[in-house]
Amino acid sequence: MTSPIQTGNSISARRAIIVGSGLAGLSAASQLLSHRIPVILLERAAKPGGNSIKASSGINGAPTLYQAVAEPLDAFYLDTVRSAEHAMQTLTAHREQLIDTLTEYSAGAIDWLVKEKGVDLSKVAQLGGHSYARTHRGNGQTPPGYAIVSALLNQMKENPLAELRTSCSVTKVLQSDQRVTGVEYECEEEERMDLHGPVIFASGGFGGDAQGLLAQYRPDLIGYPSTNDPRPGSQPLLTAVGARLVDMDQVQVHPTGFVDPANPTSPLKFLAAEVLRGEGGILLIDGKRFVNELDTREHVTHAITSAPATTESPKQWTVQIVLDEGTYSFAKSHVDFYNFKGLMRKTTISELGPNAWESIEQHASAVSGILADPFGRTSFANWTLTDPKPESVVYVGTVTPVVHFTMGGVLINEKSEVLQEEHKRIEGLWGAGEVTGSVHGGNRLGGSSLLECVVFGRIAGDQVAENLKEMS
């Protein structure tokens, strides 16, 4: 089905094909359009935006004008390497190059979105695994993923060189003489068709492919709920033309997906944004704190799953996320939305039980500097409740670990070129976003998924534009 973003027969042979309309695909398209290169985006869902449009914590960037505390130039790079953990032991130089590209271009990504796309990213928070506050979002009610994706989509609507086809799935990558020449695809109620031109894959990860790639590479996660819609991963389309896979067993289980009281056994969960913890929220099991909430996602998840699961179908734990009024004031747009959805509620400490009272009292002492935090937390962000009383207002929701993001995928280089086993590039094929691997290693920092999409999406767009000009 063809969206209003179209050009009919005006698309020439000198065009680029983008598979996926999340932020990586839209960033690539925007760069191509800036070079006056026509683009066709193929989106298998009925609506564009992918998982990017649902992202709610923000996008990383450093150094930027919006950061209250200036950070050393290499701090973001070092945090990302540290977060990747054991994965850095293989493909070390290659990973370092990709991480250097991601972090070095991060400030420019923020600048591009703000100045050229008109996105408000003036509010900055510190998320888990970060040594500085560098995750940007807007001051208004609109979540950052929606704000960014909408801005790029709206600009595309005004460009006659852009076409978006939704409900269209790529079925094969076309190749001739070791060069990718286009794709075969099919749309709802239409015959299978071919498109020819250089191809950028920005089709996302395989976190929703529970019975396919996820079951193949991480069978231990079968039964976990997910934030991803159920659909097959697209990596096999790329391995069919020689692409190398890397880190396919590196699947990020996010520690906080909401358990909806109205449908607690649903396998599809709504993410409880990391910004809730970044702005000061705490986590409780049986009313007790058990972890530094600003540790990496992997470590927080491990702390939760070390306890017995509450249910096995789906496999869930019962964890409370608690915010005081100070934290609420800085995460108001998120919490108000979650309250509206019935995922969080406003209550008092007395309603949480005696264990929670003791935990919040202890936490207040750490915030006040009276005691050291027993879990090593040193940044309490905007938590202001230092003299808790039974009637003190808090905001609470129930969360559980959820399959969220796949760090593995096809191997790319710093030019977003898709690589074969021997690291030779596959001519005519680029990749960006979650379909690729080796950028994040064993753990992705919150806020780096949107950044990865912008940085490598824009690089892919520029590289394809250059490639087309060389061939013309």
Foldseek 3Di string as FASTA:
>chain_A
DWDLLAQPPPQDLQAEEEEAQALLRLLLCVLLVVLVHFYEYEAQAQDHHACLLQAFFAAFAPDEPLFPDHDDLCQQLVLLVVLLPPQCVPPVVQLSQLSCLLHVCRRVLVVCCCPVLVFAFNDWFAAASHPGTGGTHHPDLRGRSNRSSVSSVVVSSPDSSYIYDYSKDFDAFDDDPLATFWTWIDHPPGDIDTRGAFYEYAHFAALQQLVPLCCVQPVVCRLFAAQHHRDGFDQVNVVVSFFDKDQSNQFQWAFWFFQAPVHRLDSHTRGPHRLLVRQAKAKDALLAGFAQSRHFRVVSQCSQVVDQFPDVRRGWHWMKIKAAVQSCVRVVSSLVVCVVVRQKDKFFQLVSDDSNVVRVQLVLCCVVVNDPDPRRHDDRHRRDPNPGDRRGMMMMGITTIHGYARQMATEAGSLQFGAGPVRHGRHSYGYFARNHHSNRNNGRGPNSRSSRSNSNSSSPSVVSSVVSVVVD
